[in-house]
Amino acid sequence: MSGAYPGAMDIGRVVKERKYASGGQGTVWAVKDRTINGSWPVAYKEYHARVRSQVNVGVLADMVGFVPALERGTGEWLADHTAWPAGLVTDSSGVCGFLMRRIPPRFTCTFAFDPGVEKAAGFEYLLNDEGYLRTAGITITPRQRFELLLDFARTLGRLHSLGVAVGDISPKNMFYSLDGSPGCFLIDCDAMVLHGRSMLPQAETTNWEVPTGEPKGTPASDAYKLGLLAARLFAGKQEGQDLGVLTATDPAVGRLAERSLSADPARRPTPEQWLTALAAAVTTAPATLPQVAPPRVSVPQNTAGTTPPQQGTPPSQHAPRTAPGPQPAGPRNPYVHRPTPPPPAKSHAGKWFVAITLVILAFVYGPDLYEKIANEARSGSSASSGQGTEADGSGSSAPDSEEAQARALNGLLDRNKGTRGSVGEAVSQMTACPGRSGLLEAKRVFENAASARDELLRDLEALDPGLLPASMRKSLESGWQASAAADRAYARLAEEMLSGCTPRAVTSSSQWQKASDASTRATRAKKDFVSDWNPMAKEHGLTTMSWDEV
C-alpha cells in the first residue's frame, strides 16, 4: 500500500465530521470544508487496517484518474450518476482510503415511519408490498417504476460502453429519486470492475448472486441483475424471480426480464436492448399495478443456512434479521461494501414456474407465442455457439461486409433510442417553469443528451466508410450534430431561466430559437437518413425506423 501517488491528499488534511457507518471494508465519514467540482460535498471512505493489505491500489488510482481522462461531458455524467472515487488519501503507511461525492440530496427522503429524519432513499425501500409502501409514505406508480428501470438501463449501458461493470448490483448500493424525472444513483464504485480489473475480489449481496459458476463483475452478470431488479420492483419483493406482475403490466418488458434471467449469459439482452420496450412502457403504463394470483408452485426458502429477508422490512447487513415490521432496521451505510455469504442452494421450482407461466401466456396471447419462443430459442442457440446473439440480431457475417457494418450501425441507433423522449419531457418541464431544482434537472438532461450524441458521432466515425452509403452516413451525422446543438441550446436556456422563469420568457429567448432552428435541421437530415436506411435494414433483417426514432 505504500508508494507515491500524485495528487493524493494527506490524511492530516481530511477533517472528519459525522460518521455514516462502518462495514466490512471500512468506515465512511462526512468531510468538512471539502467539495468536488466546487459544489458537491465530500465523503471519505477509510479502509480498515486488515483490508488495506488486500487492496489493489493501482486499480484504485486508475479509478481516480479515470474521470479526468474522459471527455468533459462524459466525465460530468459519470460523476453525476455515481459516487466515483475522486481522490486518494494517504497516511504514513500509504493509501488509506479515498474521497468521493456524498449522495446528492435528490436521492434522500423522509419516511412516514421516521418523521423528521432524512435517510438515503435506497432501492430496498421500494422492494416491498403495497402495505409497507403505504406505511412508509412512499407513493410510486407503475409509470415511475418503468422510468426508474429505464434510467438504470441507460446508466448500465453507458457504464458498459466506458469499460465499467458494476458487479455487485443490489438495492443496498442503488438510490432512487421520484422527483421530476425519476432516476438512480450508484455507490460502492470502488468495488466496480474497470477495464476488466477489480480493486478487490468481486463479492455479491445475498439473494443477488449470479448463477453458480458464472464469472462475477461482467456486463453479463449486470444484465442478469437488471432482470432481477425489474422482477422484484414490480413484485414488491426482496428476493425471487416472480415475473407475474411485471409481465401483466407490460408483456414486452416481462419477456426481456425473463431472457435476462437465463442461465446462459449469451441469451441475455444488453441494457441498451431494454430501452425501446421501457420507453414504450412508460407511455402506456396503467395507473395501478394489475392484480396477479401468486404462482401455485411454492419455492423453497434459502437452504444455505441464512434467514431470508422478511417482507415489509428492507434487510440490514449490520444486525441479525428481525421479525416482520413496517420499518427498515435503519439505513445501511450507503458507501461501505461488504463480502457476501455463500449463495443459497438451487431449486428446480423456478423451471416449473416458467412452464406454468408459458401456458398462461399462451392462453392470453395465442398460439403464436410458442412459435416466437421457438424462434428465440433457435437464435439463442446460435448465440451460444459463437454465431451472434438473438438479442441484437447479429449474424455470422464477416466484419468487413456491408451487413456487419449495417448491424454495427443498428447498434448505434439502438443506443440512441430513448434520448429523444427524455429531451422532449425536459423541454415540456422547462416550459412549465418548475422552479430551480426542476430547471437544473432539465439542464442536466439536455447536457447528458448532448454528450451521448457526441459519443454516438465518434462511434459512427469509426465505422468503415467504404461499406455504407456515403449519403446515409452524412445525413445521420448531420442529424445527430444538429440534435446535439439543440440539446446544448436548451441547456443554456435552462441556465438562463434560473434568474427568472415564465413560459413567455422561455419561448421568446434567443436560445429557444436556436434550439428550434437546430431541431429543424435535425429533422430534415433524419428524414434523409431513414429513406436510405430502411431499404438496407429490410435487406439484412434489421429494424426499420421513422425519422423521429433516430
Protein backbone atom coordinates (compact mmCIF):
# COMPACT_ATOMS: atom_id res chain seq x y z
CA MET A 1 0.00 0.00 0.00
CA SER A 2 2.98 2.29 0.14
CA GLY A 3 4.25 4.46 -2.68
CA ALA A 4 3.80 7.94 -4.05
CA TYR A 5 0.59 8.85 -5.90
CA PRO A 6 0.49 12.31 -7.48
CA GLY A 7 -2.43 14.37 -6.29
CA ALA A 8 -3.12 12.22 -3.23
CA MET A 9 -4.21 14.07 -0.10
CA ASP A 10 -2.55 13.54 3.26
CA ILE A 11 -4.91 12.25 5.92
CA GLY A 12 -3.96 15.21 8.11
CA ARG A 13 -5.85 17.49 5.70
CA VAL A 14 -9.06 15.45 5.87
CA VAL A 15 -11.28 16.86 8.61
CA LYS A 16 -13.80 14.17 9.53
CA GLU A 17 -17.25 15.17 10.66
CA ARG A 18 -20.23 12.85 11.07
CA LYS A 19 -19.59 9.13 10.73
CA TYR A 20 -22.08 7.50 8.39
CA ALA A 21 -21.37 3.90 9.45
CA SER A 22 -18.77 1.15 9.47
CA GLY A 23 -18.77 -2.03 7.44
CA GLY A 24 -16.63 -4.93 6.33
CA GLN A 25 -14.19 -2.81 4.33
CA GLY A 26 -14.04 0.42 6.24
CA THR A 27 -15.73 3.48 7.66
CA VAL A 28 -17.29 6.35 5.74
CA TRP A 29 -17.20 9.90 7.07
CA ALA A 30 -18.55 13.25 6.03
CA VAL A 31 -15.63 15.60 5.30
CA LYS A 32 -15.66 19.22 6.44
CA ASP A 33 -14.99 22.09 4.05
CA ARG A 34 -14.22 19.96 1.01
CA THR A 35 -16.10 19.88 -2.29
CA ILE A 36 -15.80 18.21 -5.67
CA ASN A 37 -16.21 20.43 -8.73
CA GLY A 38 -16.55 23.31 -6.31
CA SER A 39 -20.09 22.29 -5.41
CA TRP A 40 -20.51 18.67 -4.26
CA PRO A 41 -19.94 17.85 -0.56
CA VAL A 42 -17.34 15.15 0.04
CA ALA A 43 -17.31 11.83 1.87
CA TYR A 44 -14.21 9.85 2.84
CA LYS A 45 -14.01 6.06 2.84
CA GLU A 46 -11.27 4.89 5.20
CA TYR A 47 -10.27 1.25 4.78
CA HIS A 48 -9.84 -0.96 7.83
CA ALA A 49 -6.22 -1.92 8.56
CA ARG A 50 -6.96 -5.59 7.83
CA VAL A 51 -8.29 -4.67 4.38
CA ARG A 52 -5.54 -2.32 3.27
CA SER A 53 -3.07 -5.11 2.52
CA GLN A 54 -5.59 -6.68 0.12
CA VAL A 55 -6.47 -3.55 -1.84
CA ASN A 56 -5.03 -3.25 -5.34
CA VAL A 57 -4.03 0.39 -5.05
CA GLY A 58 -3.07 0.55 -8.71
CA VAL A 59 -6.68 -0.14 -9.71
CA LEU A 60 -7.98 2.42 -7.21
CA ALA A 61 -5.54 5.00 -8.56
CA ASP A 62 -6.68 4.22 -12.11
CA MET A 63 -10.27 4.80 -11.00
CA VAL A 64 -9.35 8.21 -9.59
CA GLY A 65 -7.66 9.11 -12.86
CA PHE A 66 -10.49 7.73 -14.99
CA VAL A 67 -12.92 10.66 -14.85
CA PRO A 68 -10.35 13.40 -15.65
CA ALA A 69 -9.25 11.37 -18.68
CA LEU A 70 -12.77 11.24 -20.12
CA GLU A 71 -14.36 13.80 -22.45
CA ARG A 72 -15.75 16.51 -20.22
CA GLY A 73 -19.42 15.79 -20.76
CA THR A 74 -18.91 12.07 -20.17
CA GLY A 75 -16.90 12.73 -17.04
CA GLU A 76 -19.61 15.02 -15.69
CA TRP A 77 -22.23 12.38 -16.47
CA LEU A 78 -20.29 9.71 -14.56
CA ALA A 79 -19.76 12.00 -11.59
CA ASP A 80 -23.45 12.96 -11.64
CA HIS A 81 -24.72 9.37 -11.58
CA THR A 82 -22.21 7.68 -9.29
CA ALA A 83 -20.07 8.25 -6.20
CA TRP A 84 -16.96 7.57 -8.28
CA PRO A 85 -13.57 7.73 -6.48
CA ALA A 86 -12.29 11.28 -6.85
CA GLY A 87 -9.04 11.40 -4.87
CA LEU A 88 -6.68 9.12 -2.95
CA VAL A 89 -5.94 9.71 0.73
CA THR A 90 -2.60 8.64 2.23
CA ASP A 91 -1.04 8.28 5.65
CA SER A 92 2.48 7.28 6.71
CA SER A 93 1.91 3.72 5.51
CA GLY A 94 0.48 4.55 2.08
CA VAL A 95 -3.01 4.80 0.64
CA CYS A 96 -5.61 4.51 3.38
CA GLY A 97 -8.81 5.45 1.54
CA PHE A 98 -10.35 7.78 -0.99
CA LEU A 99 -12.64 10.78 -1.38
CA MET A 100 -15.94 10.77 -3.29
CA ARG A 101 -19.06 12.86 -3.53
CA ARG A 102 -21.81 12.32 -0.99
CA ILE A 103 -25.20 11.06 -2.07
CA PRO A 104 -26.99 14.06 -3.63
CA PRO A 105 -29.94 15.45 -1.64
CA ARG A 106 -32.24 14.46 -4.51
CA PHE A 107 -31.69 10.83 -3.53
CA THR A 108 -32.68 11.27 0.12
CA CYS A 109 -36.13 11.44 1.68
CA THR A 110 -38.06 11.33 4.94
CA PHE A 111 -40.22 8.28 5.56
CA ALA A 112 -43.54 8.34 7.40
CA PHE A 113 -42.37 5.75 9.94
CA ASP A 114 -39.48 8.01 11.00
CA PRO A 115 -40.68 11.61 10.55
CA GLY A 116 -38.10 14.34 10.69
CA VAL A 117 -35.19 12.01 9.90
CA GLU A 118 -33.73 12.25 6.42
CA LYS A 119 -32.46 8.96 5.02
CA ALA A 120 -30.76 7.86 1.84
CA ALA A 121 -33.50 6.58 -0.47
CA GLY A 122 -32.22 3.07 -1.13
CA PHE A 123 -33.99 0.81 -3.61
CA GLU A 124 -34.50 -1.63 -0.73
CA TYR A 125 -37.43 0.51 0.43
CA LEU A 126 -39.20 0.05 -2.91
CA LEU A 127 -38.93 -3.75 -2.96
CA ASN A 128 -41.89 -4.26 -0.63
CA ASP A 129 -45.62 -4.78 -0.90
CA GLU A 130 -48.23 -2.05 -1.10
CA GLY A 131 -48.98 -2.25 2.63
CA TYR A 132 -45.40 -1.45 3.51
CA LEU A 133 -45.21 1.35 0.94
CA ARG A 134 -48.30 2.97 2.49
CA THR A 135 -46.78 2.70 5.95
CA ALA A 136 -43.56 4.28 4.71
CA GLY A 137 -45.44 7.03 2.92
CA ILE A 138 -43.99 6.01 -0.46
CA THR A 139 -46.18 6.65 -3.49
CA ILE A 140 -44.82 5.10 -6.68
CA THR A 141 -46.82 4.47 -9.82
CA PRO A 142 -46.23 1.78 -12.46
CA ARG A 143 -45.01 4.53 -14.78
CA GLN A 144 -42.42 5.66 -12.23
CA ARG A 145 -41.24 2.07 -11.82
CA PHE A 146 -40.66 1.85 -15.55
CA GLU A 147 -38.94 5.24 -15.51
CA LEU A 148 -36.55 4.06 -12.81
CA LEU A 149 -35.77 0.91 -14.80
CA LEU A 150 -35.28 3.00 -17.94
CA ASP A 151 -32.84 5.31 -16.19
CA PHE A 152 -30.96 2.38 -14.67
CA ALA A 153 -30.76 0.55 -18.02
CA ARG A 154 -29.38 3.71 -19.63
CA THR A 155 -26.85 4.07 -16.82
CA LEU A 156 -25.74 0.44 -17.10
CA GLY A 157 -25.43 0.66 -20.87
CA ARG A 158 -23.33 3.78 -20.69
CA LEU A 159 -21.09 2.36 -17.96
CA HIS A 160 -20.52 -0.74 -20.08
CA SER A 161 -19.61 1.43 -23.08
CA LEU A 162 -16.94 3.05 -20.87
CA GLY A 163 -15.49 -0.32 -19.87
CA VAL A 164 -17.13 -0.41 -16.42
CA ALA A 165 -19.10 -3.34 -15.00
CA VAL A 166 -20.99 -2.70 -11.76
CA GLY A 167 -20.77 -6.25 -10.42
CA ASP A 168 -22.49 -6.03 -7.05
CA ILE A 169 -25.83 -4.65 -8.22
CA SER A 170 -28.24 -4.70 -5.30
CA PRO A 171 -30.75 -2.40 -3.58
CA LYS A 172 -28.06 -1.70 -0.98
CA ASN A 173 -25.90 0.36 -3.32
CA MET A 174 -28.57 1.96 -5.51
CA PHE A 175 -30.61 5.03 -4.63
CA TYR A 176 -33.72 6.46 -6.24
CA SER A 177 -35.45 9.77 -6.74
CA LEU A 178 -39.07 10.12 -7.80
CA ASP A 179 -38.94 13.91 -8.04
CA GLY A 180 -39.26 15.29 -11.56
CA SER A 181 -37.79 12.68 -13.88
CA PRO A 182 -37.20 9.53 -11.76
CA GLY A 183 -33.57 8.47 -11.65
CA CYS A 184 -30.91 6.38 -9.94
CA PHE A 185 -27.57 7.00 -8.21
CA LEU A 186 -24.91 4.31 -7.62
CA ILE A 187 -22.37 3.96 -4.84
CA ASP A 188 -19.70 1.39 -3.87
CA CYS A 189 -17.94 2.33 -7.09
CA ASP A 190 -14.53 1.24 -5.77
CA ALA A 191 -15.94 -2.30 -5.96
CA MET A 192 -16.79 -1.98 -9.66
CA VAL A 193 -14.68 -3.51 -12.44
CA LEU A 194 -12.77 -1.07 -14.65
CA HIS A 195 -11.46 -2.48 -17.94
CA GLY A 196 -11.54 -5.99 -16.50
CA ARG A 197 -9.64 -5.09 -13.31
CA SER A 198 -11.06 -5.11 -9.79
CA MET A 199 -9.67 -3.46 -6.68
CA LEU A 200 -10.71 -6.46 -4.54
CA PRO A 201 -12.11 -9.89 -5.45
CA GLN A 202 -15.70 -9.49 -6.55
CA ALA A 203 -18.37 -10.05 -3.90
CA GLU A 204 -22.16 -10.20 -4.20
CA THR A 205 -25.07 -9.26 -1.96
CA THR A 206 -27.08 -12.19 -0.63
CA ASN A 207 -30.04 -13.06 -2.90
CA TRP A 208 -28.45 -11.06 -5.75
CA GLU A 209 -25.93 -13.68 -6.88
CA VAL A 210 -25.41 -14.76 -10.46
CA PRO A 211 -25.90 -18.46 -11.29
CA THR A 212 -23.33 -20.78 -9.75
CA GLY A 213 -20.08 -20.96 -11.66
CA GLU A 214 -20.63 -17.77 -13.67
CA PRO A 215 -17.92 -15.06 -13.52
CA LYS A 216 -18.80 -12.06 -11.36
CA GLY A 217 -18.40 -8.42 -12.30
CA THR A 218 -19.11 -8.66 -16.03
CA PRO A 219 -21.64 -6.98 -18.35
CA ALA A 220 -23.43 -10.35 -18.50
CA SER A 221 -23.75 -10.52 -14.71
CA ASP A 222 -25.04 -6.93 -14.72
CA ALA A 223 -27.63 -7.94 -17.34
CA TYR A 224 -28.80 -10.80 -15.10
CA LYS A 225 -29.24 -8.49 -12.13
CA LEU A 226 -31.14 -5.95 -14.22
CA GLY A 227 -33.68 -8.73 -14.77
CA LEU A 228 -33.78 -9.45 -11.03
CA LEU A 229 -34.35 -5.77 -10.24
CA ALA A 230 -37.18 -5.49 -12.77
CA ALA A 231 -38.93 -8.57 -11.41
CA ARG A 232 -38.62 -7.54 -7.77
CA LEU A 233 -39.52 -3.88 -8.29
CA PHE A 234 -42.90 -4.93 -9.71
CA ALA A 235 -43.43 -7.97 -7.48
CA GLY A 236 -42.72 -5.88 -4.37
CA LYS A 237 -40.30 -8.47 -3.00
CA GLN A 238 -36.74 -8.50 -1.74
CA GLU A 239 -35.96 -11.83 -3.43
CA GLY A 240 -37.20 -14.30 -6.02
CA GLN A 241 -37.82 -14.17 -9.76
CA ASP A 242 -41.61 -13.76 -9.86
CA LEU A 243 -42.33 -12.10 -13.22
CA GLY A 244 -46.12 -12.30 -12.94
CA VAL A 245 -46.88 -8.66 -12.09
CA LEU A 246 -44.22 -7.27 -14.44
CA THR A 247 -45.44 -9.36 -17.38
CA ALA A 248 -49.08 -8.49 -16.68
CA THR A 249 -48.15 -4.79 -16.58
CA ASP A 250 -46.13 -4.89 -19.79
CA PRO A 251 -45.55 -8.19 -21.64
CA ALA A 252 -42.61 -6.88 -23.70
CA VAL A 253 -40.65 -5.81 -20.63
CA GLY A 254 -41.58 -9.08 -18.92
CA ARG A 255 -40.09 -11.05 -21.79
CA LEU A 256 -36.87 -9.03 -21.58
CA ALA A 257 -36.64 -9.77 -17.86
CA GLU A 258 -37.23 -13.47 -18.48
CA ARG A 259 -34.40 -13.58 -21.03
CA SER A 260 -32.16 -11.61 -18.66
CA LEU A 261 -32.62 -14.31 -16.03
CA SER A 262 -31.43 -17.03 -18.39
CA ALA A 263 -28.65 -19.24 -17.05
CA ASP A 264 -26.99 -18.79 -20.45
CA PRO A 265 -25.30 -15.35 -20.45
CA ALA A 266 -25.40 -15.26 -24.27
CA ARG A 267 -29.21 -15.14 -24.24
CA ARG A 268 -29.43 -12.07 -22.01
CA PRO A 269 -30.29 -8.76 -23.70
CA THR A 270 -27.88 -5.91 -23.12
CA PRO A 271 -29.14 -2.91 -21.14
CA GLU A 272 -29.46 -0.91 -24.38
CA GLN A 273 -31.83 -3.53 -25.75
CA TRP A 274 -34.26 -2.78 -22.91
CA LEU A 275 -34.57 0.89 -23.83
CA THR A 276 -37.20 0.74 -26.56
CA ALA A 277 -39.55 -1.50 -24.58
CA LEU A 278 -39.09 0.51 -21.38
CA ALA A 279 -39.67 3.83 -23.14
CA ALA A 280 -42.89 2.42 -24.62
CA ALA A 281 -43.92 1.03 -21.23
CA VAL A 282 -43.52 4.48 -19.67
CA THR A 283 -46.07 5.91 -22.09
CA THR A 284 -48.59 3.05 -21.76
CA ALA A 285 -48.24 2.22 -18.06
CA PRO A 286 -51.54 1.72 -16.18
CA ALA A 287 -52.45 3.85 -13.21
CA THR A 288 -52.11 0.92 -10.80
CA LEU A 289 -50.39 -2.43 -10.81
CA PRO A 290 -52.56 -5.32 -12.03
CA GLN A 291 -53.66 -7.94 -9.54
CA VAL A 292 -51.97 -11.24 -10.29
CA ALA A 293 -52.56 -14.50 -8.48
CA PRO A 294 -49.40 -15.83 -6.86
CA PRO A 295 -47.82 -18.87 -8.53
CA ARG A 296 -49.12 -22.17 -7.18
CA VAL A 297 -45.68 -23.72 -7.05
CA SER A 298 -44.03 -22.95 -3.72
CA VAL A 299 -40.37 -22.08 -3.97
CA PRO A 300 -38.27 -23.42 -1.06
CA GLN A 301 -36.69 -20.83 1.16
CA ASN A 302 -32.95 -20.23 1.21
CA THR A 303 -31.40 -23.54 2.22
CA ALA A 304 -27.88 -22.26 2.70
CA GLY A 305 -28.47 -21.62 6.38
CA THR A 306 -29.31 -17.91 6.12
CA THR A 307 -32.64 -16.38 7.00
CA PRO A 308 -34.38 -14.70 4.05
CA PRO A 309 -35.40 -11.04 4.39
CA GLN A 310 -38.81 -10.50 5.89
CA GLN A 311 -41.35 -8.87 3.61
CA GLY A 312 -42.02 -5.31 4.65
CA THR A 313 -38.57 -4.72 6.09
CA PRO A 314 -35.57 -3.99 3.88
CA PRO A 315 -32.80 -6.32 5.09
CA SER A 316 -29.98 -4.87 7.11
CA GLN A 317 -26.41 -6.10 6.90
CA HIS A 318 -25.48 -4.54 10.24
CA ALA A 319 -27.50 -6.77 12.54
CA PRO A 320 -29.36 -10.11 12.63
CA ARG A 321 -32.73 -10.27 10.89
CA THR A 322 -35.73 -9.13 12.87
CA ALA A 323 -39.38 -10.03 12.80
CA PRO A 324 -41.51 -8.51 10.02
CA GLY A 325 -42.47 -4.92 10.54
CA PRO A 326 -43.19 -1.75 8.69
CA GLN A 327 -39.85 -0.10 9.34
CA PRO A 328 -36.39 -0.84 7.95
CA ALA A 329 -33.81 -1.64 10.59
CA GLY A 330 -32.17 1.73 9.95
CA PRO A 331 -30.37 2.80 6.78
CA ARG A 332 -27.23 0.88 5.88
CA ASN A 333 -24.14 2.98 5.38
CA PRO A 334 -24.67 3.88 1.74
CA TYR A 335 -20.99 3.59 0.88
CA VAL A 336 -19.42 0.60 2.62
CA HIS A 337 -19.13 -2.60 0.58
CA ARG A 338 -19.46 -5.98 2.29
CA PRO A 339 -18.45 -9.55 1.48
CA THR A 340 -21.19 -11.98 0.53
CA PRO A 341 -22.18 -15.18 2.40
CA PRO A 342 -22.30 -18.42 0.38
CA PRO A 343 -25.15 -18.48 -2.18
CA PRO A 344 -28.30 -20.45 -1.39
CA ALA A 345 -28.82 -23.94 -2.75
CA LYS A 346 -30.52 -24.15 -6.14
CA SER A 347 -34.12 -25.23 -6.58
CA HIS A 348 -35.87 -26.65 -9.67
CA ALA A 349 -39.12 -24.95 -8.71
CA GLY A 350 -38.27 -21.99 -10.94
CA LYS A 351 -38.38 -24.25 -14.01
CA TRP A 352 -41.91 -25.35 -13.13
CA PHE A 353 -42.91 -21.71 -12.60
CA VAL A 354 -41.60 -20.77 -16.07
CA ALA A 355 -43.50 -23.67 -17.63
CA ILE A 356 -46.74 -22.68 -15.93
CA THR A 357 -46.20 -19.04 -16.91
CA LEU A 358 -45.73 -20.02 -20.57
CA VAL A 359 -49.03 -21.93 -20.55
CA ILE A 360 -50.82 -18.92 -19.08
CA LEU A 361 -49.22 -16.57 -21.60
CA ALA A 362 -50.22 -18.88 -24.44
CA PHE A 363 -53.87 -18.63 -23.40
CA VAL A 364 -53.59 -14.84 -23.18
CA TYR A 365 -51.53 -14.13 -26.28
CA GLY A 366 -52.45 -17.05 -28.52
CA PRO A 367 -50.60 -19.95 -30.14
CA ASP A 368 -48.16 -17.65 -31.96
CA LEU A 369 -46.34 -17.27 -28.65
CA TYR A 370 -44.87 -20.76 -28.95
CA GLU A 371 -43.56 -20.05 -32.42
CA LYS A 372 -41.93 -16.84 -31.18
CA ILE A 373 -40.33 -18.66 -28.23
CA ALA A 374 -39.06 -21.39 -30.55
CA ASN A 375 -37.53 -18.78 -32.85
CA GLU A 376 -35.84 -17.09 -29.88
CA ALA A 377 -34.51 -20.43 -28.66
CA ARG A 378 -33.03 -21.24 -32.06
CA SER A 379 -31.46 -17.79 -32.26
CA GLY A 380 -30.14 -18.12 -28.70
CA SER A 381 -28.55 -21.44 -29.64
CA SER A 382 -26.67 -19.69 -32.42
CA ALA A 383 -25.52 -17.06 -29.94
CA SER A 384 -24.11 -19.62 -27.53
CA SER A 385 -22.15 -21.27 -30.36
CA GLY A 386 -20.42 -18.01 -31.22
CA GLN A 387 -22.62 -17.04 -34.20
CA GLY A 388 -24.05 -13.84 -32.79
CA THR A 389 -26.86 -13.12 -30.34
CA GLU A 390 -30.58 -13.22 -30.86
CA ALA A 391 -30.86 -10.08 -28.74
CA ASP A 392 -29.17 -7.79 -31.23
CA GLY A 393 -29.88 -9.77 -34.35
CA SER A 394 -26.22 -10.14 -35.23
CA GLY A 395 -25.25 -12.97 -37.52
CA SER A 396 -22.05 -14.60 -38.65
CA SER A 397 -21.26 -12.05 -41.38
CA ALA A 398 -17.66 -11.02 -41.83
CA PRO A 399 -16.70 -7.79 -40.00
CA ASP A 400 -15.65 -6.17 -43.32
CA SER A 401 -19.01 -6.78 -45.02
CA GLU A 402 -21.84 -4.34 -45.61
CA GLU A 403 -24.10 -6.46 -43.40
CA ALA A 404 -21.67 -6.36 -40.46
CA GLN A 405 -21.32 -2.58 -40.74
CA ALA A 406 -25.10 -2.21 -41.02
CA ARG A 407 -25.50 -4.26 -37.84
CA ALA A 408 -22.93 -2.08 -36.09
CA LEU A 409 -24.88 0.99 -37.19
CA ASN A 410 -28.09 -0.63 -35.98
CA GLY A 411 -26.42 -0.92 -32.56
CA LEU A 412 -25.71 2.80 -32.54
CA LEU A 413 -29.34 3.53 -33.41
CA ASP A 414 -30.48 1.28 -30.55
CA ARG A 415 -28.21 3.18 -28.15
CA ASN A 416 -29.81 6.44 -29.22
CA LYS A 417 -33.37 5.26 -28.55
CA GLY A 418 -34.98 6.98 -25.61
CA THR A 419 -32.84 10.11 -25.83
CA ARG A 420 -35.47 11.98 -27.82
CA GLY A 421 -38.18 11.09 -25.31
CA SER A 422 -36.18 12.27 -22.31
CA VAL A 423 -35.29 15.55 -24.06
CA GLY A 424 -38.92 16.12 -25.04
CA GLU A 425 -40.04 15.62 -21.45
CA ALA A 426 -37.36 18.00 -20.22
CA VAL A 427 -38.48 20.67 -22.73
CA SER A 428 -42.07 20.32 -21.51
CA GLN A 429 -40.87 20.52 -17.93
CA MET A 430 -38.85 23.65 -18.64
CA THR A 431 -41.74 25.48 -20.34
CA ALA A 432 -43.80 24.90 -17.17
CA CYS A 433 -41.16 26.79 -15.11
CA PRO A 434 -40.80 24.04 -12.47
CA GLY A 435 -38.58 26.02 -10.11
CA ARG A 436 -34.84 25.97 -9.58
CA SER A 437 -34.49 22.22 -8.92
CA GLY A 438 -36.68 21.37 -11.90
CA LEU A 439 -34.72 23.67 -14.21
CA LEU A 440 -31.43 22.22 -13.01
CA GLU A 441 -32.76 18.73 -13.65
CA ALA A 442 -33.85 19.72 -17.17
CA LYS A 443 -30.42 21.26 -17.80
CA ARG A 444 -28.79 18.01 -16.71
CA VAL A 445 -30.96 16.01 -19.12
CA PHE A 446 -30.03 18.27 -22.03
CA GLU A 447 -26.30 18.15 -21.24
CA ASN A 448 -26.35 14.36 -20.89
CA ALA A 449 -28.23 14.02 -24.18
CA ALA A 450 -25.67 16.20 -25.96
CA SER A 451 -22.79 14.16 -24.54
CA ALA A 452 -24.48 10.92 -25.55
CA ARG A 453 -24.86 12.17 -29.13
CA ASP A 454 -21.19 13.21 -29.17
CA GLU A 455 -20.23 9.65 -28.26
CA LEU A 456 -22.51 8.25 -30.97
CA LEU A 457 -20.88 10.54 -33.53
CA ARG A 458 -17.42 9.31 -32.54
CA ASP A 459 -18.55 5.69 -32.87
CA LEU A 460 -20.22 6.46 -36.20
CA GLU A 461 -16.95 7.87 -37.47
CA ALA A 462 -15.23 4.58 -36.56
CA LEU A 463 -17.40 2.56 -38.98
CA ASP A 464 -15.85 1.59 -42.30
CA PRO A 465 -16.70 4.46 -44.68
CA GLY A 466 -16.40 2.25 -47.74
CA LEU A 467 -19.10 -0.23 -46.80
CA LEU A 468 -22.08 2.05 -46.14
CA PRO A 469 -23.63 4.66 -48.48
CA ALA A 470 -21.86 7.98 -48.01
CA SER A 471 -25.12 9.93 -48.21
CA MET A 472 -26.65 7.84 -45.44
CA ARG A 473 -23.68 8.31 -43.11
CA LYS A 474 -23.57 12.04 -43.83
CA SER A 475 -27.28 12.59 -43.16
CA LEU A 476 -27.10 10.66 -39.87
CA GLU A 477 -24.00 12.62 -38.84
CA SER A 478 -25.73 15.91 -39.69
CA GLY A 479 -28.87 14.86 -37.83
CA TRP A 480 -27.05 13.92 -34.63
CA GLN A 481 -24.85 17.03 -34.78
CA ALA A 482 -27.93 19.24 -35.10
CA SER A 483 -29.68 17.38 -32.26
CA ALA A 484 -26.63 17.92 -30.04
CA ALA A 485 -26.67 21.62 -30.93
CA ALA A 486 -30.35 21.79 -29.96
CA ASP A 487 -29.65 19.99 -26.68
CA ARG A 488 -26.93 22.49 -25.79
CA ALA A 489 -29.14 25.45 -26.68
CA TYR A 490 -31.85 24.07 -24.41
CA ALA A 491 -29.27 23.59 -21.62
CA ARG A 492 -28.23 27.25 -21.95
CA LEU A 493 -31.89 28.24 -21.90
CA ALA A 494 -32.50 26.31 -18.68
CA GLU A 495 -29.50 28.09 -17.14
CA GLU A 496 -30.87 31.44 -18.34
CA MET A 497 -34.29 30.77 -16.76
CA LEU A 498 -32.76 30.26 -13.31
CA SER A 499 -32.71 34.05 -12.91
CA GLY A 500 -36.44 34.33 -13.59
CA CYS A 501 -38.71 31.98 -15.50
CA THR A 502 -42.07 32.49 -17.19
CA PRO A 503 -43.46 30.42 -20.08
CA ARG A 504 -43.29 33.51 -22.31
CA ALA A 505 -39.66 34.16 -21.34
CA VAL A 506 -38.81 30.56 -22.30
CA THR A 507 -40.30 30.67 -25.78
CA SER A 508 -39.14 34.22 -26.57
CA SER A 509 -35.48 33.54 -25.69
CA SER A 510 -32.85 33.52 -28.43
CA GLN A 511 -31.72 30.13 -27.12
CA TRP A 512 -35.22 28.77 -27.75
CA GLN A 513 -34.96 29.96 -31.34
CA LYS A 514 -31.50 28.43 -31.74
CA ALA A 515 -32.79 25.11 -30.42
CA SER A 516 -35.79 25.25 -32.76
CA ASP A 517 -33.59 26.00 -35.78
CA ALA A 518 -31.24 23.14 -34.89
CA SER A 519 -34.20 20.79 -34.42
CA THR A 520 -35.48 21.72 -37.88
CA ARG A 521 -32.09 20.87 -39.39
CA ALA A 522 -32.02 17.61 -37.45
CA THR A 523 -35.47 16.62 -38.68
CA ARG A 524 -34.54 17.23 -42.30
CA ALA A 525 -31.33 15.21 -42.03
CA LYS A 526 -33.01 12.33 -40.19
CA LYS A 527 -35.72 12.06 -42.84
CA ASP A 528 -32.98 11.77 -45.46
CA PHE A 529 -31.25 9.12 -43.38
CA VAL A 530 -34.26 6.82 -42.91
CA SER A 531 -35.02 6.94 -46.65
CA ASP A 532 -31.58 5.32 -47.19
CA TRP A 533 -31.55 3.19 -44.04
CA ASN A 534 -34.88 1.39 -44.22
CA PRO A 535 -34.26 -0.47 -47.53
CA MET A 536 -30.88 -1.66 -46.22
CA ALA A 537 -32.40 -2.61 -42.85
CA LYS A 538 -35.07 -4.73 -44.58
CA GLU A 539 -32.43 -6.43 -46.71
CA HIS A 540 -30.44 -7.53 -43.66
CA GLY A 541 -33.36 -8.19 -41.31
CA LEU A 542 -32.69 -5.15 -39.13
CA THR A 543 -35.02 -2.59 -37.59
CA THR A 544 -36.66 -0.03 -39.85
CA MET A 545 -37.30 3.36 -38.30
CA SER A 546 -39.27 6.55 -38.66
CA TRP A 547 -37.27 9.79 -38.64
CA ASP A 548 -38.39 10.71 -35.11
CA GLU A 549 -36.88 7.47 -33.74
CA VAL A 550 -33.38 8.42 -34.91
